[in-house]
């Protein structure tokens, strides 16, 4: 195993507890508040003081990871208030 591969694996192992907390935070927000976009979830978590900034870059990757686990799914689209593009609406399964 190369040094780079070993270092990446070690870094990944260290971040797992943090990822689990983030998954739970995003999942709970969907359960508690119903279907939402990544932007809406970020805004909500920021306003609740759970994350340091409101950015979909915090929530979007967590939603993708939760989708792979079968815990969330997309259920429609709506226009982003930031970009104006259509973005996914997510819900807990």
N, C-alpha and C. Protein backbone atom coordinates (compact mmCIF):
# COMPACT_ATOMS: atom_id res chain seq x y z
N UNK A 1 0.86 -1.17 0.00
CA UNK A 1 0.00 0.00 0.00
C UNK A 1 0.91 1.24 0.00
N UNK A 2 0.57 2.20 -0.86
CA UNK A 2 1.38 3.42 -0.95
C UNK A 2 1.12 4.31 0.26
N UNK A 3 2.04 5.22 0.49
CA UNK A 3 1.90 6.18 1.59
C UNK A 3 0.65 7.03 1.40
N UNK A 4 0.36 7.44 0.17
CA UNK A 4 -0.82 8.26 -0.10
C UNK A 4 -2.10 7.50 0.23
N UNK A 5 -2.18 6.27 -0.19
CA UNK A 5 -3.35 5.45 0.09
C UNK A 5 -3.52 5.25 1.59
N UNK A 6 -2.44 4.97 2.27
CA UNK A 6 -2.48 4.77 3.72
C UNK A 6 -2.91 6.05 4.44
N UNK A 7 -2.38 7.18 4.02
CA UNK A 7 -2.73 8.46 4.63
C UNK A 7 -4.20 8.78 4.40
N UNK A 8 -4.70 8.54 3.22
CA UNK A 8 -6.12 8.76 2.92
C UNK A 8 -7.01 7.88 3.79
N UNK A 9 -6.62 6.63 3.91
CA UNK A 9 -7.40 5.70 4.72
C UNK A 9 -7.42 6.15 6.18
N UNK A 10 -6.29 6.59 6.71
CA UNK A 10 -6.22 7.07 8.09
C UNK A 10 -7.10 8.31 8.27
N UNK A 11 -7.06 9.23 7.32
CA UNK A 11 -7.87 10.45 7.39
C UNK A 11 -9.35 10.11 7.35
N UNK A 12 -9.70 9.15 6.50
CA UNK A 12 -11.10 8.75 6.40
C UNK A 12 -11.58 8.15 7.73
N UNK A 13 -10.78 7.32 8.34
CA UNK A 13 -11.16 6.71 9.62
C UNK A 13 -11.38 7.78 10.70
N UNK A 14 -10.59 8.83 10.68
CA UNK A 14 -10.73 9.90 11.67
C UNK A 14 -12.00 10.72 11.48
N UNK A 15 -12.46 10.84 10.24
CA UNK A 15 -13.63 11.69 9.96
C UNK A 15 -14.96 10.95 10.08
N UNK A 16 -14.95 9.64 10.15
CA UNK A 16 -16.21 8.87 10.20
C UNK A 16 -17.15 9.34 11.31
N UNK A 17 -16.68 9.52 12.55
CA UNK A 17 -17.63 10.00 13.58
C UNK A 17 -18.27 11.34 13.23
N UNK A 18 -17.52 12.23 12.63
CA UNK A 18 -18.06 13.53 12.24
C UNK A 18 -19.10 13.36 11.14
N UNK A 19 -18.84 12.47 10.18
CA UNK A 19 -19.79 12.23 9.09
C UNK A 19 -21.09 11.66 9.63
N UNK A 20 -21.00 10.75 10.58
CA UNK A 20 -22.20 10.15 11.15
C UNK A 20 -23.05 11.22 11.83
N UNK A 21 -22.44 12.14 12.57
CA UNK A 21 -23.19 13.23 13.20
C UNK A 21 -23.84 14.12 12.15
N UNK A 22 -23.14 14.39 11.07
CA UNK A 22 -23.70 15.23 10.01
C UNK A 22 -24.85 14.53 9.30
N UNK A 23 -24.72 13.24 9.04
CA UNK A 23 -25.81 12.49 8.42
C UNK A 23 -27.05 12.56 9.31
N UNK A 24 -26.86 12.36 10.60
CA UNK A 24 -27.98 12.37 11.53
C UNK A 24 -28.64 13.74 11.58
N UNK A 25 -27.84 14.79 11.57
CA UNK A 25 -28.36 16.16 11.62
C UNK A 25 -29.23 16.46 10.39
N UNK A 26 -28.74 16.09 9.22
CA UNK A 26 -29.48 16.35 7.98
C UNK A 26 -30.74 15.47 7.93
N UNK A 27 -30.60 14.22 8.29
CA UNK A 27 -31.76 13.30 8.28
C UNK A 27 -32.83 13.79 9.26
N UNK A 28 -32.43 14.15 10.46
CA UNK A 28 -33.38 14.64 11.47
C UNK A 28 -34.11 15.89 10.98
N UNK A 29 -33.39 16.78 10.30
CA UNK A 29 -34.01 18.01 9.78
C UNK A 29 -35.09 17.67 8.75
N UNK A 30 -34.85 16.66 7.93
CA UNK A 30 -35.87 16.23 6.96
C UNK A 30 -37.06 15.61 7.66
N UNK A 31 -36.82 14.77 8.63
CA UNK A 31 -37.90 14.12 9.37
C UNK A 31 -38.74 15.16 10.10
N UNK A 32 -38.08 16.10 10.75
CA UNK A 32 -38.77 17.11 11.56
C UNK A 32 -39.52 18.16 10.74
N UNK A 33 -38.99 18.49 9.56
CA UNK A 33 -39.52 19.62 8.80
C UNK A 33 -40.12 19.25 7.46
N UNK A 34 -40.04 18.00 7.08
CA UNK A 34 -40.60 17.57 5.81
C UNK A 34 -39.67 17.84 4.63
N UNK A 35 -40.15 17.54 3.43
CA UNK A 35 -39.33 17.68 2.23
C UNK A 35 -38.70 19.06 2.10
N UNK A 36 -37.43 19.07 1.73
CA UNK A 36 -36.65 20.31 1.65
C UNK A 36 -35.56 20.18 0.60
N UNK A 37 -35.08 21.30 0.13
CA UNK A 37 -33.90 21.31 -0.75
C UNK A 37 -32.65 21.36 0.11
N UNK A 38 -31.51 21.11 -0.50
CA UNK A 38 -30.24 21.21 0.22
C UNK A 38 -30.04 22.62 0.75
N UNK A 39 -30.44 23.63 -0.02
CA UNK A 39 -30.33 25.02 0.42
C UNK A 39 -31.19 25.27 1.66
N UNK A 40 -32.42 24.79 1.63
CA UNK A 40 -33.34 24.99 2.75
C UNK A 40 -32.83 24.30 4.01
N UNK A 41 -32.29 23.10 3.84
CA UNK A 41 -31.73 22.39 4.98
C UNK A 41 -30.55 23.15 5.57
N UNK A 42 -29.67 23.66 4.71
CA UNK A 42 -28.52 24.42 5.19
C UNK A 42 -28.98 25.66 5.94
N UNK A 43 -29.95 26.37 5.40
CA UNK A 43 -30.48 27.57 6.08
C UNK A 43 -31.04 27.21 7.46
N UNK A 44 -31.81 26.15 7.51
CA UNK A 44 -32.45 25.72 8.76
C UNK A 44 -31.40 25.34 9.80
N UNK A 45 -30.43 24.53 9.40
CA UNK A 45 -29.39 24.09 10.33
C UNK A 45 -28.54 25.26 10.82
N UNK A 46 -28.29 26.21 9.94
CA UNK A 46 -27.54 27.41 10.34
C UNK A 46 -28.34 28.23 11.34
N UNK A 47 -29.62 28.45 11.05
CA UNK A 47 -30.47 29.25 11.94
C UNK A 47 -30.62 28.57 13.31
N UNK A 48 -30.56 27.27 13.36
CA UNK A 48 -30.65 26.53 14.62
C UNK A 48 -29.30 26.48 15.34
N UNK A 49 -28.26 27.03 14.71
CA UNK A 49 -26.94 27.05 15.32
C UNK A 49 -26.20 25.72 15.27
N UNK A 50 -26.63 24.85 14.37
CA UNK A 50 -26.03 23.52 14.28
C UNK A 50 -24.84 23.47 13.32
N UNK A 51 -24.78 24.40 12.39
CA UNK A 51 -23.63 24.50 11.47
C UNK A 51 -23.16 25.94 11.44
N UNK A 52 -21.88 26.17 11.13
CA UNK A 52 -21.31 27.52 11.23
C UNK A 52 -21.65 28.47 10.07
N UNK A 53 -22.21 27.95 8.99
CA UNK A 53 -22.53 28.78 7.82
C UNK A 53 -23.67 28.12 7.06
N UNK A 54 -24.41 28.91 6.30
CA UNK A 54 -25.50 28.36 5.50
C UNK A 54 -24.99 28.16 4.08
N UNK A 55 -24.73 26.92 3.74
CA UNK A 55 -24.25 26.59 2.40
C UNK A 55 -24.67 25.18 2.06
N UNK A 56 -25.17 25.02 0.85
CA UNK A 56 -25.57 23.69 0.41
C UNK A 56 -24.37 22.76 0.29
N UNK A 57 -23.15 23.31 0.31
CA UNK A 57 -21.97 22.45 0.25
C UNK A 57 -21.83 21.62 1.53
N UNK A 58 -22.54 22.00 2.58
CA UNK A 58 -22.57 21.19 3.79
C UNK A 58 -23.61 20.07 3.67
N UNK A 59 -24.78 20.41 3.14
CA UNK A 59 -25.88 19.44 3.14
C UNK A 59 -25.95 18.56 1.90
N UNK A 60 -25.62 19.07 0.74
CA UNK A 60 -25.77 18.29 -0.50
C UNK A 60 -24.97 16.99 -0.48
N UNK A 61 -23.71 17.00 -0.06
CA UNK A 61 -22.99 15.72 -0.02
C UNK A 61 -23.61 14.73 0.98
N UNK A 62 -24.10 15.24 2.10
CA UNK A 62 -24.74 14.37 3.09
C UNK A 62 -26.00 13.74 2.51
N UNK A 63 -26.76 14.51 1.73
CA UNK A 63 -27.97 13.96 1.10
C UNK A 63 -27.62 12.86 0.12
N UNK A 64 -26.57 13.05 -0.65
CA UNK A 64 -26.13 12.03 -1.60
C UNK A 64 -25.72 10.76 -0.85
N UNK A 65 -25.00 10.93 0.25
CA UNK A 65 -24.57 9.77 1.04
C UNK A 65 -25.78 9.07 1.67
N UNK A 66 -26.72 9.84 2.18
CA UNK A 66 -27.94 9.25 2.76
C UNK A 66 -28.77 8.54 1.70
N UNK A 67 -28.77 9.07 0.48
CA UNK A 67 -29.50 8.42 -0.62
C UNK A 67 -28.90 7.05 -0.91
N UNK A 68 -27.58 6.97 -0.92
CA UNK A 68 -26.91 5.68 -1.15
C UNK A 68 -27.31 4.65 -0.09
N UNK A 69 -27.60 5.12 1.12
CA UNK A 69 -28.01 4.24 2.21
C UNK A 69 -29.50 3.92 2.17
N UNK A 70 -30.23 4.58 1.28
CA UNK A 70 -31.66 4.34 1.16
C UNK A 70 -32.50 5.08 2.19
N UNK A 71 -31.90 6.06 2.88
CA UNK A 71 -32.62 6.78 3.92
C UNK A 71 -33.36 8.02 3.43
N UNK A 72 -32.96 8.53 2.28
CA UNK A 72 -33.65 9.68 1.69
C UNK A 72 -33.82 9.45 0.20
N UNK A 73 -34.72 10.22 -0.38
CA UNK A 73 -34.94 10.15 -1.83
C UNK A 73 -35.39 11.51 -2.32
N UNK A 74 -35.26 11.72 -3.62
CA UNK A 74 -35.78 12.96 -4.19
C UNK A 74 -37.28 12.78 -4.44
N UNK A 75 -37.99 13.89 -4.34
CA UNK A 75 -39.45 13.80 -4.52
C UNK A 75 -39.98 14.95 -5.36
N UNK A 76 -39.11 15.63 -6.08
CA UNK A 76 -39.54 16.72 -6.93
C UNK A 76 -38.42 17.73 -7.14
N UNK A 77 -38.78 18.84 -7.73
CA UNK A 77 -37.82 19.92 -7.99
C UNK A 77 -38.48 21.25 -7.70
N UNK A 78 -37.66 22.24 -7.37
CA UNK A 78 -38.15 23.61 -7.29
C UNK A 78 -36.99 24.53 -7.60
N UNK A 79 -37.31 25.77 -7.89
CA UNK A 79 -36.30 26.73 -8.31
C UNK A 79 -35.45 27.16 -7.12
N UNK A 80 -34.15 27.16 -7.33
CA UNK A 80 -33.20 27.62 -6.32
C UNK A 80 -33.33 29.12 -6.14
N UNK A 81 -33.31 29.57 -4.90
CA UNK A 81 -33.34 31.02 -4.65
C UNK A 81 -31.99 31.65 -4.95
N UNK A 82 -30.94 30.83 -4.99
CA UNK A 82 -29.59 31.34 -5.23
C UNK A 82 -29.27 31.40 -6.72
N UNK A 83 -29.40 30.26 -7.40
CA UNK A 83 -29.00 30.19 -8.80
C UNK A 83 -30.14 30.37 -9.78
N UNK A 84 -31.37 30.13 -9.34
CA UNK A 84 -32.51 30.17 -10.24
C UNK A 84 -32.73 28.88 -10.99
N UNK A 85 -31.80 27.94 -10.87
CA UNK A 85 -31.93 26.63 -11.52
C UNK A 85 -32.88 25.75 -10.72
N UNK A 86 -33.43 24.74 -11.39
CA UNK A 86 -34.22 23.75 -10.68
C UNK A 86 -33.29 22.86 -9.85
N UNK A 87 -33.68 22.62 -8.59
CA UNK A 87 -32.90 21.77 -7.71
C UNK A 87 -33.81 20.74 -7.07
N UNK A 88 -33.22 19.66 -6.60
CA UNK A 88 -33.98 18.54 -6.04
C UNK A 88 -34.58 18.90 -4.67
N UNK A 89 -35.77 18.35 -4.46
CA UNK A 89 -36.41 18.37 -3.15
C UNK A 89 -36.20 16.95 -2.59
N UNK A 90 -35.79 16.88 -1.34
CA UNK A 90 -35.49 15.61 -0.69
C UNK A 90 -36.48 15.31 0.41
N UNK A 91 -36.71 14.01 0.66
CA UNK A 91 -37.53 13.59 1.79
C UNK A 91 -36.93 12.32 2.40
N UNK A 92 -37.23 12.14 3.67
CA UNK A 92 -36.82 10.91 4.34
C UNK A 92 -37.71 9.78 3.85
N UNK A 93 -37.13 8.59 3.72
CA UNK A 93 -37.92 7.44 3.26
C UNK A 93 -38.46 6.66 4.44
